[in-house]
Amino acid sequence: MKLFKLYIKSEFTLHHIAVMIRNVLNVNNTNTTNYQREQKRFGENYGGEYYLFEVIGLELFLLSNKGEALEEDFNDYEYYLMVKIKTTDDKVVFYLAEYLTLLFNSHNLKVYFPKEVM
């Protein structure tokens, strides 16, 4: 299992960003796994309210960059998308992160992928 983060700069609310992500990725507003059906969630360790999306074998967590979930090195970004992928191949992770960054940016989401973190 690998994990990477995409940082999002936006004046929109967490909910609005979630809707934008659903539209860009063309996913429903519920997940397919029974115990993860609800996308909108709450967890103190995730900074309060957050979203979990299941997309083609990936888990995408949309978090507000605050509280317990604060990424201090990226505090200029209001949100981030933490992506979990079932692979051990760093190239696959890198190319997926690059692709998602380009895809979201092409749909007016200001997304940054810190390549130097990989």
N, C-alpha and C. Protein backbone atom coordinates (compact mmCIF):
# COMPACT_ATOMS: atom_id res chain seq x y z
N MET A 1 0.85 -1.18 0.00
CA MET A 1 0.00 0.00 0.00
C MET A 1 0.89 1.24 0.00
N LYS A 2 0.61 2.15 -0.90
CA LYS A 2 1.33 3.43 -0.99
C LYS A 2 0.35 4.56 -0.76
N LEU A 3 0.90 5.70 -0.40
CA LEU A 3 0.09 6.88 -0.12
C LEU A 3 0.79 8.10 -0.67
N PHE A 4 0.01 9.02 -1.25
CA PHE A 4 0.55 10.32 -1.65
C PHE A 4 -0.51 11.37 -1.40
N LYS A 5 -0.09 12.64 -1.39
CA LYS A 5 -1.01 13.74 -1.11
C LYS A 5 -0.94 14.78 -2.21
N LEU A 6 -2.12 15.30 -2.54
CA LEU A 6 -2.27 16.40 -3.48
C LEU A 6 -2.86 17.56 -2.70
N TYR A 7 -2.24 18.71 -2.76
CA TYR A 7 -2.66 19.87 -1.98
C TYR A 7 -3.53 20.78 -2.84
N ILE A 8 -4.61 21.28 -2.24
CA ILE A 8 -5.62 22.04 -2.98
C ILE A 8 -5.75 23.44 -2.39
N LYS A 9 -5.61 24.43 -3.25
CA LYS A 9 -5.79 25.83 -2.86
C LYS A 9 -7.15 26.27 -3.41
N SER A 10 -8.04 26.67 -2.50
CA SER A 10 -9.39 27.04 -2.94
C SER A 10 -10.10 27.88 -1.89
N GLU A 11 -10.97 28.74 -2.38
CA GLU A 11 -11.83 29.53 -1.50
C GLU A 11 -13.16 28.82 -1.26
N PHE A 12 -13.40 27.71 -1.96
CA PHE A 12 -14.64 26.96 -1.81
C PHE A 12 -14.66 26.18 -0.50
N THR A 13 -15.84 25.73 -0.12
CA THR A 13 -15.99 24.92 1.09
C THR A 13 -15.55 23.48 0.82
N LEU A 14 -15.35 22.74 1.88
CA LEU A 14 -14.99 21.33 1.77
C LEU A 14 -16.04 20.58 0.95
N HIS A 15 -17.30 20.85 1.23
CA HIS A 15 -18.39 20.19 0.50
C HIS A 15 -18.34 20.51 -0.99
N HIS A 16 -18.11 21.76 -1.33
CA HIS A 16 -18.05 22.15 -2.74
C HIS A 16 -16.87 21.45 -3.45
N ILE A 17 -15.73 21.37 -2.78
CA ILE A 17 -14.57 20.66 -3.35
C ILE A 17 -14.92 19.19 -3.56
N ALA A 18 -15.64 18.59 -2.60
CA ALA A 18 -16.05 17.19 -2.73
C ALA A 18 -16.92 16.99 -3.96
N VAL A 19 -17.86 17.89 -4.19
CA VAL A 19 -18.73 17.81 -5.36
C VAL A 19 -17.89 17.95 -6.64
N MET A 20 -16.94 18.86 -6.64
CA MET A 20 -16.08 19.04 -7.81
C MET A 20 -15.28 17.76 -8.09
N ILE A 21 -14.74 17.15 -7.05
CA ILE A 21 -13.98 15.90 -7.22
C ILE A 21 -14.87 14.80 -7.77
N ARG A 22 -16.09 14.67 -7.22
CA ARG A 22 -17.04 13.68 -7.75
C ARG A 22 -17.29 13.89 -9.23
N ASN A 23 -17.49 15.14 -9.62
CA ASN A 23 -17.78 15.45 -11.02
C ASN A 23 -16.58 15.14 -11.92
N VAL A 24 -15.39 15.53 -11.50
CA VAL A 24 -14.20 15.30 -12.31
C VAL A 24 -13.95 13.80 -12.48
N LEU A 25 -14.10 13.04 -11.39
CA LEU A 25 -13.82 11.61 -11.44
C LEU A 25 -15.03 10.77 -11.85
N ASN A 26 -16.19 11.44 -12.01
CA ASN A 26 -17.42 10.78 -12.44
C ASN A 26 -17.79 9.62 -11.50
N VAL A 27 -17.88 9.92 -10.20
CA VAL A 27 -18.26 8.91 -9.22
C VAL A 27 -19.58 9.28 -8.55
N ASN A 28 -20.26 8.27 -8.02
CA ASN A 28 -21.52 8.48 -7.31
C ASN A 28 -21.28 9.18 -5.99
N ASN A 29 -22.37 9.52 -5.31
CA ASN A 29 -22.23 10.17 -4.01
C ASN A 29 -22.27 9.18 -2.85
N THR A 30 -22.18 7.87 -3.17
CA THR A 30 -21.99 6.83 -2.15
C THR A 30 -20.90 5.89 -2.64
N ASN A 31 -20.19 5.28 -1.70
CA ASN A 31 -19.15 4.31 -2.04
C ASN A 31 -19.75 2.92 -2.18
N THR A 32 -19.00 2.01 -2.76
CA THR A 32 -19.53 0.66 -3.01
C THR A 32 -19.31 -0.30 -1.84
N THR A 33 -18.27 -0.11 -1.06
CA THR A 33 -18.01 -1.00 0.06
C THR A 33 -19.03 -0.74 1.16
N ASN A 34 -19.68 -1.81 1.65
CA ASN A 34 -20.79 -1.68 2.61
C ASN A 34 -20.44 -0.82 3.82
N TYR A 35 -19.32 -1.07 4.45
CA TYR A 35 -18.99 -0.33 5.67
C TYR A 35 -18.40 1.05 5.39
N GLN A 36 -18.29 1.43 4.11
CA GLN A 36 -17.76 2.75 3.74
C GLN A 36 -18.70 3.51 2.82
N ARG A 37 -19.98 3.15 2.82
CA ARG A 37 -20.93 3.76 1.88
C ARG A 37 -20.97 5.28 1.97
N GLU A 38 -21.04 5.81 3.18
CA GLU A 38 -21.12 7.26 3.36
C GLU A 38 -19.79 7.91 3.02
N GLN A 39 -19.82 8.92 2.18
CA GLN A 39 -18.60 9.63 1.81
C GLN A 39 -18.28 10.74 2.81
N LYS A 40 -19.28 11.44 3.25
CA LYS A 40 -19.05 12.51 4.22
C LYS A 40 -18.93 11.89 5.60
N ARG A 41 -17.85 12.25 6.31
CA ARG A 41 -17.53 11.63 7.59
C ARG A 41 -17.01 12.65 8.58
N PHE A 42 -16.79 12.18 9.80
CA PHE A 42 -16.21 13.03 10.83
C PHE A 42 -15.20 12.22 11.62
N GLY A 43 -14.03 12.81 11.84
CA GLY A 43 -13.00 12.18 12.65
C GLY A 43 -12.02 13.22 13.14
N GLU A 44 -11.80 13.26 14.44
CA GLU A 44 -10.87 14.25 15.00
C GLU A 44 -9.48 14.11 14.39
N ASN A 45 -9.02 12.87 14.19
CA ASN A 45 -7.68 12.67 13.63
C ASN A 45 -7.60 13.04 12.15
N TYR A 46 -8.74 13.30 11.52
CA TYR A 46 -8.78 13.78 10.14
C TYR A 46 -9.16 15.26 10.07
N GLY A 47 -9.03 15.96 11.15
CA GLY A 47 -9.30 17.40 11.17
C GLY A 47 -10.76 17.77 11.25
N GLY A 48 -11.62 16.84 11.66
CA GLY A 48 -13.06 17.10 11.75
C GLY A 48 -13.79 16.48 10.58
N GLU A 49 -14.57 17.28 9.88
CA GLU A 49 -15.32 16.80 8.73
C GLU A 49 -14.38 16.50 7.57
N TYR A 50 -14.59 15.36 6.91
CA TYR A 50 -13.79 14.99 5.74
C TYR A 50 -14.62 14.09 4.84
N TYR A 51 -14.08 13.76 3.68
CA TYR A 51 -14.76 12.90 2.72
C TYR A 51 -13.85 11.73 2.35
N LEU A 52 -14.48 10.58 2.10
CA LEU A 52 -13.77 9.40 1.61
C LEU A 52 -14.45 8.95 0.33
N PHE A 53 -13.67 8.87 -0.75
CA PHE A 53 -14.17 8.40 -2.04
C PHE A 53 -13.46 7.11 -2.42
N GLU A 54 -14.21 6.14 -2.90
CA GLU A 54 -13.64 4.93 -3.48
C GLU A 54 -13.73 5.07 -4.99
N VAL A 55 -12.58 5.00 -5.64
CA VAL A 55 -12.52 5.19 -7.09
C VAL A 55 -11.54 4.18 -7.67
N ILE A 56 -12.02 3.32 -8.55
CA ILE A 56 -11.20 2.32 -9.25
C ILE A 56 -10.09 1.72 -8.39
N GLY A 57 -10.44 1.23 -7.22
CA GLY A 57 -9.47 0.58 -6.35
C GLY A 57 -8.64 1.53 -5.50
N LEU A 58 -8.92 2.81 -5.59
CA LEU A 58 -8.21 3.81 -4.78
C LEU A 58 -9.12 4.27 -3.65
N GLU A 59 -8.50 4.74 -2.59
CA GLU A 59 -9.22 5.46 -1.54
C GLU A 59 -8.70 6.88 -1.53
N LEU A 60 -9.59 7.85 -1.69
CA LEU A 60 -9.21 9.25 -1.69
C LEU A 60 -9.87 9.93 -0.49
N PHE A 61 -9.07 10.50 0.38
CA PHE A 61 -9.55 11.21 1.55
C PHE A 61 -9.39 12.70 1.30
N LEU A 62 -10.49 13.44 1.32
CA LEU A 62 -10.45 14.89 1.17
C LEU A 62 -10.49 15.49 2.56
N LEU A 63 -9.42 16.17 2.95
CA LEU A 63 -9.28 16.71 4.30
C LEU A 63 -9.07 18.22 4.27
N SER A 64 -9.58 18.88 5.30
CA SER A 64 -9.23 20.28 5.51
C SER A 64 -7.86 20.31 6.16
N ASN A 65 -7.03 21.20 5.72
CA ASN A 65 -5.66 21.29 6.23
C ASN A 65 -5.66 22.11 7.52
N LYS A 66 -6.13 21.47 8.59
CA LYS A 66 -6.23 22.16 9.87
C LYS A 66 -6.30 21.12 10.99
N GLY A 67 -6.19 21.59 12.21
CA GLY A 67 -6.33 20.73 13.38
C GLY A 67 -5.36 19.56 13.35
N GLU A 68 -5.87 18.39 13.71
CA GLU A 68 -5.05 17.18 13.75
C GLU A 68 -4.50 16.80 12.37
N ALA A 69 -5.17 17.24 11.30
CA ALA A 69 -4.77 16.89 9.94
C ALA A 69 -3.87 17.96 9.30
N LEU A 70 -3.43 18.95 10.08
CA LEU A 70 -2.63 20.04 9.52
C LEU A 70 -1.30 19.53 8.98
N GLU A 71 -1.00 19.91 7.76
CA GLU A 71 0.30 19.67 7.13
C GLU A 71 1.03 21.00 7.17
N GLU A 72 1.85 21.19 8.17
CA GLU A 72 2.47 22.50 8.42
C GLU A 72 3.31 23.01 7.25
N ASP A 73 3.97 22.11 6.53
CA ASP A 73 4.79 22.53 5.40
C ASP A 73 3.95 23.04 4.23
N PHE A 74 2.66 22.78 4.26
CA PHE A 74 1.76 23.17 3.17
C PHE A 74 0.57 23.96 3.70
N ASN A 75 0.79 24.78 4.71
CA ASN A 75 -0.32 25.49 5.33
C ASN A 75 -0.90 26.60 4.46
N ASP A 76 -0.33 26.86 3.28
CA ASP A 76 -0.91 27.80 2.32
C ASP A 76 -2.07 27.16 1.56
N TYR A 77 -2.24 25.86 1.70
CA TYR A 77 -3.29 25.12 1.01
C TYR A 77 -4.40 24.79 2.01
N GLU A 78 -5.63 25.10 1.65
CA GLU A 78 -6.77 24.91 2.54
C GLU A 78 -7.17 23.44 2.71
N TYR A 79 -6.89 22.63 1.68
CA TYR A 79 -7.32 21.23 1.68
C TYR A 79 -6.21 20.36 1.10
N TYR A 80 -6.36 19.07 1.32
CA TYR A 80 -5.53 18.13 0.58
C TYR A 80 -6.26 16.82 0.37
N LEU A 81 -5.84 16.13 -0.65
CA LEU A 81 -6.41 14.84 -1.02
C LEU A 81 -5.33 13.80 -0.73
N MET A 82 -5.61 12.92 0.21
CA MET A 82 -4.69 11.84 0.54
C MET A 82 -5.17 10.61 -0.23
N VAL A 83 -4.29 10.07 -1.07
CA VAL A 83 -4.67 8.98 -1.96
C VAL A 83 -3.93 7.72 -1.55
N LYS A 84 -4.69 6.64 -1.30
CA LYS A 84 -4.11 5.34 -0.98
C LYS A 84 -4.31 4.42 -2.18
N ILE A 85 -3.24 3.75 -2.57
CA ILE A 85 -3.27 2.85 -3.72
C ILE A 85 -2.61 1.53 -3.33
N LYS A 86 -3.18 0.44 -3.79
CA LYS A 86 -2.65 -0.88 -3.48
C LYS A 86 -1.59 -1.26 -4.50
N THR A 87 -0.39 -0.76 -4.28
CA THR A 87 0.75 -1.10 -5.13
C THR A 87 2.01 -0.84 -4.32
N THR A 88 3.10 -1.41 -4.79
CA THR A 88 4.40 -1.11 -4.19
C THR A 88 5.31 -0.43 -5.22
N ASP A 89 4.78 -0.19 -6.39
CA ASP A 89 5.55 0.37 -7.49
C ASP A 89 5.55 1.90 -7.43
N ASP A 90 6.69 2.48 -7.13
CA ASP A 90 6.79 3.94 -7.01
C ASP A 90 6.48 4.66 -8.32
N LYS A 91 6.79 4.04 -9.46
CA LYS A 91 6.49 4.68 -10.75
C LYS A 91 4.99 4.80 -10.96
N VAL A 92 4.25 3.77 -10.60
CA VAL A 92 2.80 3.81 -10.73
C VAL A 92 2.23 4.93 -9.87
N VAL A 93 2.72 5.04 -8.65
CA VAL A 93 2.26 6.08 -7.73
C VAL A 93 2.58 7.46 -8.30
N PHE A 94 3.79 7.64 -8.76
CA PHE A 94 4.20 8.93 -9.31
C PHE A 94 3.35 9.33 -10.51
N TYR A 95 3.16 8.41 -11.46
CA TYR A 95 2.38 8.74 -12.66
C TYR A 95 0.91 8.97 -12.33
N LEU A 96 0.36 8.24 -11.38
CA LEU A 96 -1.02 8.48 -10.97
C LEU A 96 -1.15 9.87 -10.33
N ALA A 97 -0.22 10.23 -9.47
CA ALA A 97 -0.24 11.55 -8.83
C ALA A 97 -0.14 12.65 -9.88
N GLU A 98 0.75 12.48 -10.84
CA GLU A 98 0.90 13.46 -11.92
C GLU A 98 -0.39 13.56 -12.74
N TYR A 99 -0.98 12.42 -13.07
CA TYR A 99 -2.20 12.41 -13.86
C TYR A 99 -3.34 13.11 -13.12
N LEU A 100 -3.55 12.76 -11.85
CA LEU A 100 -4.63 13.39 -11.08
C LEU A 100 -4.41 14.89 -10.95
N THR A 101 -3.17 15.30 -10.78
CA THR A 101 -2.86 16.73 -10.70
C THR A 101 -3.26 17.44 -11.99
N LEU A 102 -2.87 16.89 -13.11
CA LEU A 102 -3.23 17.48 -14.41
C LEU A 102 -4.74 17.48 -14.62
N LEU A 103 -5.38 16.38 -14.27
CA LEU A 103 -6.82 16.25 -14.45
C LEU A 103 -7.57 17.29 -13.61
N PHE A 104 -7.25 17.38 -12.34
CA PHE A 104 -7.94 18.35 -11.47
C PHE A 104 -7.64 19.79 -11.90
N ASN A 105 -6.41 20.08 -12.23
CA ASN A 105 -6.06 21.44 -12.67
C ASN A 105 -6.80 21.82 -13.96
N SER A 106 -7.01 20.85 -14.83
CA SER A 106 -7.73 21.14 -16.08
C SER A 106 -9.22 21.41 -15.82
N HIS A 107 -9.69 21.09 -14.62
CA HIS A 107 -11.08 21.36 -14.24
C HIS A 107 -11.17 22.45 -13.16
N ASN A 108 -10.21 23.35 -13.19
CA ASN A 108 -10.21 24.55 -12.34
C ASN A 108 -10.08 24.29 -10.84
N LEU A 109 -9.50 23.16 -10.49
CA LEU A 109 -9.09 22.94 -9.10
C LEU A 109 -7.60 23.22 -9.05
N LYS A 110 -7.17 24.06 -8.16
CA LYS A 110 -5.75 24.40 -8.06
C LYS A 110 -5.05 23.36 -7.19
N VAL A 111 -4.44 22.38 -7.82
CA VAL A 111 -3.84 21.24 -7.14
C VAL A 111 -2.34 21.25 -7.33
N TYR A 112 -1.64 20.92 -6.26
CA TYR A 112 -0.17 20.87 -6.26
C TYR A 112 0.28 19.50 -5.77
N PHE A 113 1.14 18.85 -6.53
CA PHE A 113 1.74 17.58 -6.14
C PHE A 113 3.22 17.83 -5.85
N PRO A 114 3.63 17.71 -4.58
CA PRO A 114 5.05 17.95 -4.23
C PRO A 114 5.91 16.74 -4.59
N LYS A 115 6.46 16.76 -5.77
CA LYS A 115 7.27 15.63 -6.28
C LYS A 115 8.45 15.31 -5.37
N GLU A 116 8.99 16.36 -4.74
CA GLU A 116 10.18 16.16 -3.92
C GLU A 116 9.89 15.32 -2.67
N VAL A 117 8.62 15.13 -2.32
CA VAL A 117 8.25 14.34 -1.16
C VAL A 117 8.32 12.85 -1.46
N MET A 118 8.20 12.49 -2.72
CA MET A 118 8.18 11.08 -3.12
C MET A 118 9.53 10.43 -2.92
